[in-house]
């Protein structure tokens, strides 16, 4: 089942990238998706029944806008710090504990943190994320965990758990 879903996903990506529905393009997309599926389906994620719940797609769609908004705010924050004459930075690595239980949810959270300017996920050990932050606002773990992860974690929990 997961190989079929991987093939469909790869073929959809092919169509989305090429935006061409001619017979030669469709056949090349099928061939490329089939080759990748044959060689890499054993390494793909194991699909569970919950992937078919439509409410997860609603939350994923909403998450895209939340993530985009957080990236825009972080870009302005980093630009302010770079352009400010006093260069107000207080970098540091903080340890934040996640409430996510699935590995894919943790991967999405780590990538969301890393793709947001001013933060980068350095390491994940069990439920602890080690994050380099351009400006450590507080030494209280609850405060900086909420500030870094709180904006993403509640949506990822609804999508992946």
N, C-alpha and C. Protein backbone atom coordinates (compact mmCIF):
# COMPACT_ATOMS: atom_id res chain seq x y z
N UNK A 1 0.82 -1.20 0.00
CA UNK A 1 0.00 0.00 0.00
C UNK A 1 0.85 1.26 0.00
N UNK A 2 1.94 1.26 0.79
CA UNK A 2 2.76 2.45 0.85
C UNK A 2 3.50 2.68 -0.47
N UNK A 3 3.82 1.61 -1.21
CA UNK A 3 4.47 1.77 -2.51
C UNK A 3 3.53 2.42 -3.51
N UNK A 4 2.27 2.06 -3.46
CA UNK A 4 1.28 2.67 -4.36
C UNK A 4 1.12 4.15 -4.04
N UNK A 5 1.02 4.47 -2.77
CA UNK A 5 0.90 5.88 -2.37
C UNK A 5 2.15 6.68 -2.73
N UNK A 6 3.32 6.05 -2.58
CA UNK A 6 4.56 6.73 -2.96
C UNK A 6 4.57 7.00 -4.45
N UNK A 7 4.16 6.03 -5.26
CA UNK A 7 4.10 6.22 -6.70
C UNK A 7 3.16 7.37 -7.07
N UNK A 8 1.97 7.36 -6.47
CA UNK A 8 0.99 8.42 -6.75
C UNK A 8 1.53 9.78 -6.34
N UNK A 9 2.16 9.83 -5.17
CA UNK A 9 2.73 11.09 -4.69
C UNK A 9 3.83 11.59 -5.63
N UNK A 10 4.73 10.72 -6.04
CA UNK A 10 5.82 11.11 -6.93
C UNK A 10 5.29 11.55 -8.29
N UNK A 11 4.30 10.83 -8.80
CA UNK A 11 3.72 11.21 -10.09
C UNK A 11 3.02 12.56 -10.00
N UNK A 12 2.33 12.81 -8.88
CA UNK A 12 1.68 14.12 -8.68
C UNK A 12 2.73 15.24 -8.60
N UNK A 13 3.84 14.97 -7.94
CA UNK A 13 4.92 15.96 -7.89
C UNK A 13 5.44 16.23 -9.30
N UNK A 14 5.61 15.18 -10.09
CA UNK A 14 6.07 15.32 -11.48
C UNK A 14 5.12 16.22 -12.26
N UNK A 15 3.83 15.95 -12.16
CA UNK A 15 2.85 16.76 -12.87
C UNK A 15 2.84 18.20 -12.37
N UNK A 16 2.98 18.36 -11.08
CA UNK A 16 3.00 19.72 -10.52
C UNK A 16 4.21 20.52 -10.96
N UNK A 17 5.34 19.85 -11.11
CA UNK A 17 6.56 20.56 -11.51
C UNK A 17 6.61 20.84 -13.01
N UNK A 18 6.10 19.93 -13.82
CA UNK A 18 6.19 20.12 -15.27
C UNK A 18 5.01 20.88 -15.84
N UNK A 19 3.84 20.75 -15.22
CA UNK A 19 2.61 21.40 -15.72
C UNK A 19 2.38 21.11 -17.20
N UNK A 20 2.60 19.86 -17.58
CA UNK A 20 2.49 19.46 -18.97
C UNK A 20 1.78 18.12 -19.01
N UNK A 21 0.64 18.04 -19.71
CA UNK A 21 -0.13 16.80 -19.74
C UNK A 21 -0.12 16.14 -21.12
N UNK A 22 0.99 16.23 -21.80
CA UNK A 22 1.12 15.54 -23.08
C UNK A 22 1.49 14.08 -22.81
N UNK A 23 1.26 13.23 -23.81
CA UNK A 23 1.54 11.79 -23.67
C UNK A 23 3.02 11.53 -23.36
N UNK A 24 3.98 12.15 -24.06
CA UNK A 24 5.38 11.88 -23.71
C UNK A 24 5.74 12.30 -22.28
N UNK A 25 5.21 13.42 -21.84
CA UNK A 25 5.50 13.87 -20.49
C UNK A 25 4.86 12.96 -19.44
N UNK A 26 3.63 12.54 -19.68
CA UNK A 26 2.97 11.63 -18.75
C UNK A 26 3.70 10.29 -18.68
N UNK A 27 4.14 9.79 -19.83
CA UNK A 27 4.85 8.50 -19.81
C UNK A 27 6.20 8.63 -19.11
N UNK A 28 6.90 9.74 -19.29
CA UNK A 28 8.18 9.94 -18.58
C UNK A 28 7.94 10.08 -17.08
N UNK A 29 6.85 10.73 -16.70
CA UNK A 29 6.52 10.85 -15.29
C UNK A 29 6.21 9.51 -14.67
N UNK A 30 5.48 8.66 -15.38
CA UNK A 30 5.17 7.32 -14.88
C UNK A 30 6.45 6.51 -14.74
N UNK A 31 7.33 6.58 -15.75
CA UNK A 31 8.58 5.82 -15.71
C UNK A 31 9.46 6.30 -14.55
N UNK A 32 9.61 7.61 -14.41
CA UNK A 32 10.46 8.15 -13.33
C UNK A 32 9.89 7.79 -11.96
N UNK A 33 8.59 7.96 -11.79
CA UNK A 33 7.97 7.63 -10.51
C UNK A 33 8.06 6.14 -10.21
N UNK A 34 7.93 5.31 -11.23
CA UNK A 34 8.02 3.86 -11.06
C UNK A 34 9.43 3.43 -10.66
N UNK A 35 10.44 4.01 -11.30
CA UNK A 35 11.83 3.66 -10.97
C UNK A 35 12.15 4.06 -9.53
N UNK A 36 11.79 5.26 -9.15
CA UNK A 36 12.06 5.72 -7.79
C UNK A 36 11.29 4.87 -6.78
N UNK A 37 10.05 4.52 -7.11
CA UNK A 37 9.25 3.69 -6.20
C UNK A 37 9.86 2.31 -6.03
N UNK A 38 10.33 1.71 -7.12
CA UNK A 38 10.92 0.37 -7.03
C UNK A 38 12.15 0.38 -6.14
N UNK A 39 13.01 1.38 -6.31
CA UNK A 39 14.26 1.39 -5.55
C UNK A 39 14.13 1.93 -4.14
N UNK A 40 13.18 2.80 -3.88
CA UNK A 40 13.13 3.48 -2.59
C UNK A 40 11.88 3.24 -1.77
N UNK A 41 10.95 2.41 -2.21
CA UNK A 41 9.72 2.22 -1.43
C UNK A 41 9.99 1.54 -0.10
N UNK A 42 11.04 0.75 -0.01
CA UNK A 42 11.34 0.10 1.28
C UNK A 42 11.86 1.09 2.32
N UNK A 43 12.31 2.27 1.86
CA UNK A 43 12.81 3.28 2.78
C UNK A 43 11.75 4.33 3.13
N UNK A 44 10.60 4.27 2.49
CA UNK A 44 9.59 5.30 2.71
C UNK A 44 8.86 5.05 4.03
N UNK A 45 8.10 6.03 4.42
CA UNK A 45 7.35 5.93 5.67
C UNK A 45 6.25 4.89 5.55
N UNK A 46 5.96 4.26 6.64
CA UNK A 46 4.87 3.30 6.68
C UNK A 46 3.57 4.08 6.87
N UNK A 47 2.67 3.91 5.93
CA UNK A 47 1.41 4.66 5.93
C UNK A 47 0.41 3.94 6.82
N UNK A 48 -0.22 4.70 7.66
CA UNK A 48 -1.26 4.16 8.52
C UNK A 48 -2.61 4.68 8.04
N UNK A 49 -3.66 4.12 8.55
CA UNK A 49 -5.00 4.49 8.11
C UNK A 49 -5.32 5.97 8.36
N UNK A 50 -4.69 6.54 9.33
CA UNK A 50 -5.04 7.92 9.68
C UNK A 50 -4.66 8.93 8.59
N UNK A 51 -3.87 8.51 7.61
CA UNK A 51 -3.51 9.41 6.52
C UNK A 51 -4.74 9.74 5.66
N UNK A 52 -5.77 8.91 5.75
CA UNK A 52 -6.96 9.13 4.93
C UNK A 52 -8.01 10.00 5.62
N UNK A 53 -7.75 10.50 6.79
CA UNK A 53 -8.72 11.36 7.48
C UNK A 53 -8.67 12.76 6.87
N UNK A 54 -9.78 13.25 6.34
CA UNK A 54 -9.77 14.54 5.64
C UNK A 54 -9.46 15.74 6.54
N UNK A 55 -9.76 15.65 7.84
CA UNK A 55 -9.49 16.80 8.71
C UNK A 55 -7.99 17.07 8.81
N UNK A 56 -7.16 16.06 8.61
CA UNK A 56 -5.70 16.26 8.63
C UNK A 56 -5.25 17.17 7.50
N UNK A 57 -5.91 17.05 6.35
CA UNK A 57 -5.55 17.89 5.20
C UNK A 57 -5.97 19.34 5.43
N UNK A 58 -7.08 19.53 6.12
CA UNK A 58 -7.48 20.88 6.48
C UNK A 58 -6.42 21.53 7.36
N UNK A 59 -5.97 20.79 8.40
CA UNK A 59 -4.96 21.34 9.30
C UNK A 59 -3.62 21.54 8.59
N UNK A 60 -3.28 20.68 7.64
CA UNK A 60 -2.05 20.85 6.87
C UNK A 60 -2.13 22.10 6.00
N UNK A 61 -3.29 22.34 5.40
CA UNK A 61 -3.49 23.54 4.59
C UNK A 61 -3.36 24.79 5.46
N UNK A 62 -3.98 24.75 6.62
CA UNK A 62 -3.90 25.88 7.55
C UNK A 62 -2.47 26.08 8.05
N UNK A 63 -1.76 24.98 8.28
CA UNK A 63 -0.37 25.04 8.75
C UNK A 63 0.53 25.77 7.75
N UNK A 64 0.27 25.60 6.47
CA UNK A 64 1.07 26.31 5.45
C UNK A 64 0.99 27.81 5.64
N UNK A 65 -0.20 28.32 5.93
CA UNK A 65 -0.35 29.76 6.14
C UNK A 65 0.28 30.21 7.46
N UNK A 66 0.15 29.39 8.50
CA UNK A 66 0.77 29.71 9.79
C UNK A 66 2.29 29.76 9.62
N UNK A 67 2.82 28.76 8.94
CA UNK A 67 4.27 28.72 8.73
C UNK A 67 4.74 29.92 7.91
N UNK A 68 4.01 30.26 6.86
CA UNK A 68 4.37 31.41 6.03
C UNK A 68 4.35 32.70 6.86
N UNK A 69 3.34 32.88 7.69
CA UNK A 69 3.24 34.07 8.54
C UNK A 69 4.41 34.14 9.53
N UNK A 70 4.75 33.01 10.14
CA UNK A 70 5.86 32.99 11.10
C UNK A 70 7.19 33.27 10.39
N UNK A 71 7.35 32.80 9.18
CA UNK A 71 8.58 33.08 8.42
C UNK A 71 8.69 34.57 8.08
N UNK A 72 7.58 35.17 7.71
CA UNK A 72 7.60 36.61 7.40
C UNK A 72 7.97 37.41 8.64
N UNK A 73 7.35 37.08 9.78
CA UNK A 73 7.68 37.80 11.03
C UNK A 73 9.15 37.60 11.40
N UNK A 74 9.65 36.38 11.25
CA UNK A 74 11.05 36.10 11.60
C UNK A 74 12.00 36.81 10.65
N UNK A 75 11.65 36.94 9.39
CA UNK A 75 12.48 37.68 8.44
C UNK A 75 12.62 39.13 8.85
N UNK A 76 11.51 39.75 9.23
CA UNK A 76 11.57 41.14 9.68
C UNK A 76 12.39 41.27 10.97
N UNK A 77 12.25 40.30 11.87
CA UNK A 77 13.01 40.33 13.11
C UNK A 77 14.52 40.24 12.84
N UNK A 78 14.91 39.33 11.98
CA UNK A 78 16.33 39.17 11.66
C UNK A 78 16.84 40.40 10.91
N UNK A 79 16.05 40.93 9.99
CA UNK A 79 16.45 42.14 9.27
C UNK A 79 16.64 43.31 10.22
N UNK A 80 15.75 43.45 11.21
CA UNK A 80 15.88 44.50 12.22
C UNK A 80 17.20 44.35 12.98
N UNK A 81 17.52 43.13 13.37
CA UNK A 81 18.74 42.90 14.14
C UNK A 81 19.99 43.16 13.31
N UNK A 82 19.93 42.85 12.04
CA UNK A 82 21.10 43.08 11.17
C UNK A 82 21.28 44.57 10.87
N UNK A 83 20.18 45.27 10.66
CA UNK A 83 20.27 46.68 10.28
C UNK A 83 20.38 47.63 11.47
N UNK A 84 20.09 47.19 12.66
CA UNK A 84 20.17 48.03 13.86
C UNK A 84 21.64 48.34 14.15
N UNK A 85 21.96 49.60 14.44
CA UNK A 85 23.37 49.96 14.70
C UNK A 85 23.97 49.24 15.90
N UNK A 86 23.16 48.92 16.90
CA UNK A 86 23.68 48.24 18.09
C UNK A 86 23.76 46.73 17.94
N UNK A 87 23.25 46.20 16.84
CA UNK A 87 23.24 44.76 16.57
C UNK A 87 22.76 43.97 17.79
N UNK A 88 21.48 44.09 18.14
CA UNK A 88 20.97 43.43 19.35
C UNK A 88 20.79 41.91 19.17
N UNK A 89 21.87 41.20 19.36
CA UNK A 89 21.80 39.73 19.30
C UNK A 89 22.29 39.17 20.63
N UNK A 90 21.70 38.07 21.02
CA UNK A 90 22.10 37.34 22.21
C UNK A 90 21.96 35.86 21.88
N UNK A 91 22.89 35.34 21.06
CA UNK A 91 22.73 33.96 20.57
C UNK A 91 22.97 32.93 21.66
N UNK A 92 22.38 31.78 21.45
CA UNK A 92 22.57 30.68 22.39
C UNK A 92 21.84 29.45 21.90
N UNK A 93 22.18 28.32 22.49
CA UNK A 93 21.51 27.06 22.19
C UNK A 93 20.62 26.73 23.37
N UNK A 94 19.35 26.50 23.08
CA UNK A 94 18.38 26.19 24.11
C UNK A 94 17.86 24.76 23.90
N UNK A 95 17.43 24.15 24.97
CA UNK A 95 16.84 22.81 24.91
C UNK A 95 15.34 22.95 25.15
N UNK A 96 14.57 22.56 24.13
CA UNK A 96 13.12 22.64 24.22
C UNK A 96 12.53 21.24 24.12
N UNK A 97 11.59 20.94 24.98
CA UNK A 97 10.96 19.61 25.00
C UNK A 97 9.69 19.65 24.16
N UNK A 98 9.57 18.68 23.27
CA UNK A 98 8.41 18.60 22.39
C UNK A 98 7.38 17.62 22.96
N UNK A 99 6.12 17.87 22.65
CA UNK A 99 5.04 16.98 23.03
C UNK A 99 4.65 16.03 21.91
N UNK A 100 5.30 16.15 20.75
CA UNK A 100 4.99 15.29 19.63
C UNK A 100 5.51 13.88 19.88
N UNK A 101 4.76 12.88 19.43
CA UNK A 101 5.17 11.49 19.66
C UNK A 101 5.62 10.78 18.39
N UNK A 102 5.17 11.24 17.23
CA UNK A 102 5.54 10.56 15.98
C UNK A 102 6.85 11.14 15.44
N UNK A 103 7.63 10.28 14.80
CA UNK A 103 8.90 10.73 14.23
C UNK A 103 8.69 11.73 13.10
N UNK A 104 7.69 11.51 12.26
CA UNK A 104 7.44 12.43 11.15
C UNK A 104 7.01 13.80 11.67
N UNK A 105 6.26 13.83 12.76
CA UNK A 105 5.89 15.11 13.36
C UNK A 105 7.10 15.85 13.89
N UNK A 106 8.03 15.11 14.50
CA UNK A 106 9.26 15.73 15.01
C UNK A 106 10.13 16.24 13.87
N UNK A 107 10.17 15.50 12.78
CA UNK A 107 10.96 15.95 11.62
C UNK A 107 10.37 17.23 11.04
N UNK A 108 9.05 17.27 10.91
CA UNK A 108 8.41 18.48 10.39
C UNK A 108 8.64 19.66 11.34
N UNK A 109 8.58 19.42 12.63
CA UNK A 109 8.83 20.49 13.59
C UNK A 109 10.26 20.99 13.49
N UNK A 110 11.21 20.07 13.43
CA UNK A 110 12.63 20.47 13.32
C UNK A 110 12.88 21.25 12.04
N UNK A 111 12.30 20.81 10.94
CA UNK A 111 12.49 21.52 9.68
C UNK A 111 11.78 22.87 9.69
N UNK A 112 10.63 22.96 10.31
CA UNK A 112 9.93 24.24 10.39
C UNK A 112 10.73 25.24 11.22
N UNK A 113 11.33 24.77 12.30
CA UNK A 113 12.17 25.64 13.13
C UNK A 113 13.40 26.09 12.35
N UNK A 114 14.01 25.16 11.64
CA UNK A 114 15.23 25.48 10.90
C UNK A 114 14.95 26.42 9.74
N UNK A 115 13.81 26.26 9.08
CA UNK A 115 13.51 27.12 7.93
C UNK A 115 13.02 28.50 8.33
N UNK A 116 12.76 28.69 9.61
CA UNK A 116 12.38 30.01 10.10
C UNK A 116 13.66 30.78 10.41
N UNK A 117 13.85 31.96 9.81
CA UNK A 117 15.09 32.72 10.05
C UNK A 117 15.31 33.04 11.53
N UNK A 118 16.55 32.90 11.96
CA UNK A 118 16.92 33.20 13.33
C UNK A 118 17.00 31.99 14.23
N UNK A 119 16.55 30.84 13.74
CA UNK A 119 16.61 29.61 14.52
C UNK A 119 17.11 28.47 13.63
N UNK A 120 17.77 27.52 14.26
CA UNK A 120 18.19 26.32 13.55
C UNK A 120 18.21 25.16 14.54
N UNK A 121 17.63 24.04 14.14
CA UNK A 121 17.63 22.86 14.99
C UNK A 121 18.98 22.19 14.85
N UNK A 122 19.69 22.08 15.96
CA UNK A 122 21.02 21.49 15.96
C UNK A 122 20.96 19.99 16.15
N UNK A 123 20.10 19.52 17.06
CA UNK A 123 20.04 18.10 17.37
C UNK A 123 18.68 17.78 17.98
N UNK A 124 18.27 16.52 17.83
CA UNK A 124 17.07 16.01 18.47
C UNK A 124 17.47 14.75 19.22
N UNK A 125 17.26 14.75 20.52
CA UNK A 125 17.51 13.56 21.34
C UNK A 125 16.23 13.27 22.10
N UNK A 126 15.61 12.14 21.75
CA UNK A 126 14.32 11.75 22.30
C UNK A 126 13.30 12.85 22.03
N UNK A 127 12.78 13.49 23.07
CA UNK A 127 11.80 14.56 22.89
C UNK A 127 12.43 15.94 23.02
N UNK A 128 13.73 16.00 23.22
CA UNK A 128 14.42 17.28 23.41
C UNK A 128 15.02 17.78 22.10
N UNK A 129 14.69 19.01 21.77
CA UNK A 129 15.23 19.67 20.59
C UNK A 129 16.27 20.68 21.06
N UNK A 130 17.45 20.64 20.47
CA UNK A 130 18.49 21.61 20.77
C UNK A 130 18.50 22.61 19.62
N UNK A 131 18.20 23.85 19.95
CA UNK A 131 17.96 24.87 18.93
C UNK A 131 18.88 26.05 19.15
N UNK A 132 19.60 26.43 18.09
CA UNK A 132 20.38 27.66 18.15
C UNK A 132 19.46 28.80 17.78
N UNK A 133 19.46 29.82 18.64
CA UNK A 133 18.53 30.93 18.52
C UNK A 133 19.32 32.22 18.45
N UNK A 134 18.95 33.11 17.57
CA UNK A 134 19.71 34.36 17.38
C UNK A 134 19.57 35.30 18.58
N UNK A 135 18.44 35.24 19.26
CA UNK A 135 18.23 36.09 20.42
C UNK A 135 17.45 35.31 21.48
N UNK A 136 18.15 34.85 22.49
CA UNK A 136 17.53 34.09 23.57
C UNK A 136 16.83 35.09 24.48
N UNK A 137 15.50 35.08 24.46
CA UNK A 137 14.70 36.05 25.19
C UNK A 137 14.62 35.75 26.68
N UNK A 138 14.70 34.49 27.06
CA UNK A 138 14.49 34.11 28.44
C UNK A 138 15.30 32.87 28.78
N UNK A 139 15.56 32.68 30.05
CA UNK A 139 16.24 31.47 30.50
C UNK A 139 15.25 30.43 31.01
N UNK A 140 13.99 30.80 31.04
CA UNK A 140 12.94 29.90 31.49
C UNK A 140 12.56 28.95 30.35
N UNK A 141 12.72 27.63 30.54
CA UNK A 141 12.43 26.68 29.45
C UNK A 141 11.00 26.75 28.92
N UNK A 142 10.04 27.00 29.78
CA UNK A 142 8.65 27.07 29.33
C UNK A 142 8.43 28.27 28.40
N UNK A 143 9.07 29.38 28.71
CA UNK A 143 8.90 30.59 27.91
C UNK A 143 9.50 30.40 26.52
N UNK A 144 10.76 29.96 26.45
CA UNK A 144 11.36 29.85 25.11
C UNK A 144 10.85 28.65 24.34
N UNK A 145 10.39 27.61 25.03
CA UNK A 145 9.78 26.48 24.32
C UNK A 145 8.49 26.94 23.64
N UNK A 146 7.68 27.70 24.37
CA UNK A 146 6.44 28.21 23.78
C UNK A 146 6.73 29.19 22.64
N UNK A 147 7.75 30.02 22.81
CA UNK A 147 8.07 31.02 21.79
C UNK A 147 8.59 30.38 20.51
N UNK A 148 9.38 29.32 20.63
CA UNK A 148 9.95 28.68 19.44
C UNK A 148 9.02 27.63 18.87
N UNK A 149 8.52 26.73 19.71
CA UNK A 149 7.78 25.57 19.21
C UNK A 149 6.27 25.72 19.26
N UNK A 150 5.78 26.54 20.14
CA UNK A 150 4.34 26.62 20.35
C UNK A 150 3.56 27.00 19.11
N UNK A 151 4.16 27.80 18.27
CA UNK A 151 3.46 28.25 17.08
C UNK A 151 3.27 27.12 16.06
N UNK A 152 4.13 26.12 16.07
CA UNK A 152 4.04 25.03 15.10
C UNK A 152 3.48 23.75 15.69
N UNK A 153 3.81 23.47 16.93
CA UNK A 153 3.56 22.17 17.52
C UNK A 153 2.08 21.80 17.58
N UNK A 154 1.22 22.73 17.92
CA UNK A 154 -0.20 22.39 18.06
C UNK A 154 -0.83 22.00 16.72
N UNK A 155 -0.36 22.59 15.62
CA UNK A 155 -0.88 22.22 14.31
C UNK A 155 -0.31 20.89 13.84
N UNK A 156 0.99 20.68 14.09
CA UNK A 156 1.61 19.41 13.70
C UNK A 156 1.02 18.24 14.48
N UNK A 157 0.62 18.47 15.70
CA UNK A 157 -0.01 17.42 16.49
C UNK A 157 -1.34 17.01 15.85
N UNK A 158 -2.08 17.97 15.34
CA UNK A 158 -3.36 17.67 14.70
C UNK A 158 -3.17 16.99 13.34
N UNK A 159 -2.05 17.25 12.70
CA UNK A 159 -1.79 16.65 11.39
C UNK A 159 -1.26 15.24 11.52
N UNK A 160 -0.29 15.02 12.39
CA UNK A 160 0.45 13.76 12.39
C UNK A 160 0.11 12.81 13.54
N UNK A 161 -0.73 13.22 14.48
CA UNK A 161 -1.01 12.31 15.60
C UNK A 161 -2.49 12.03 15.73
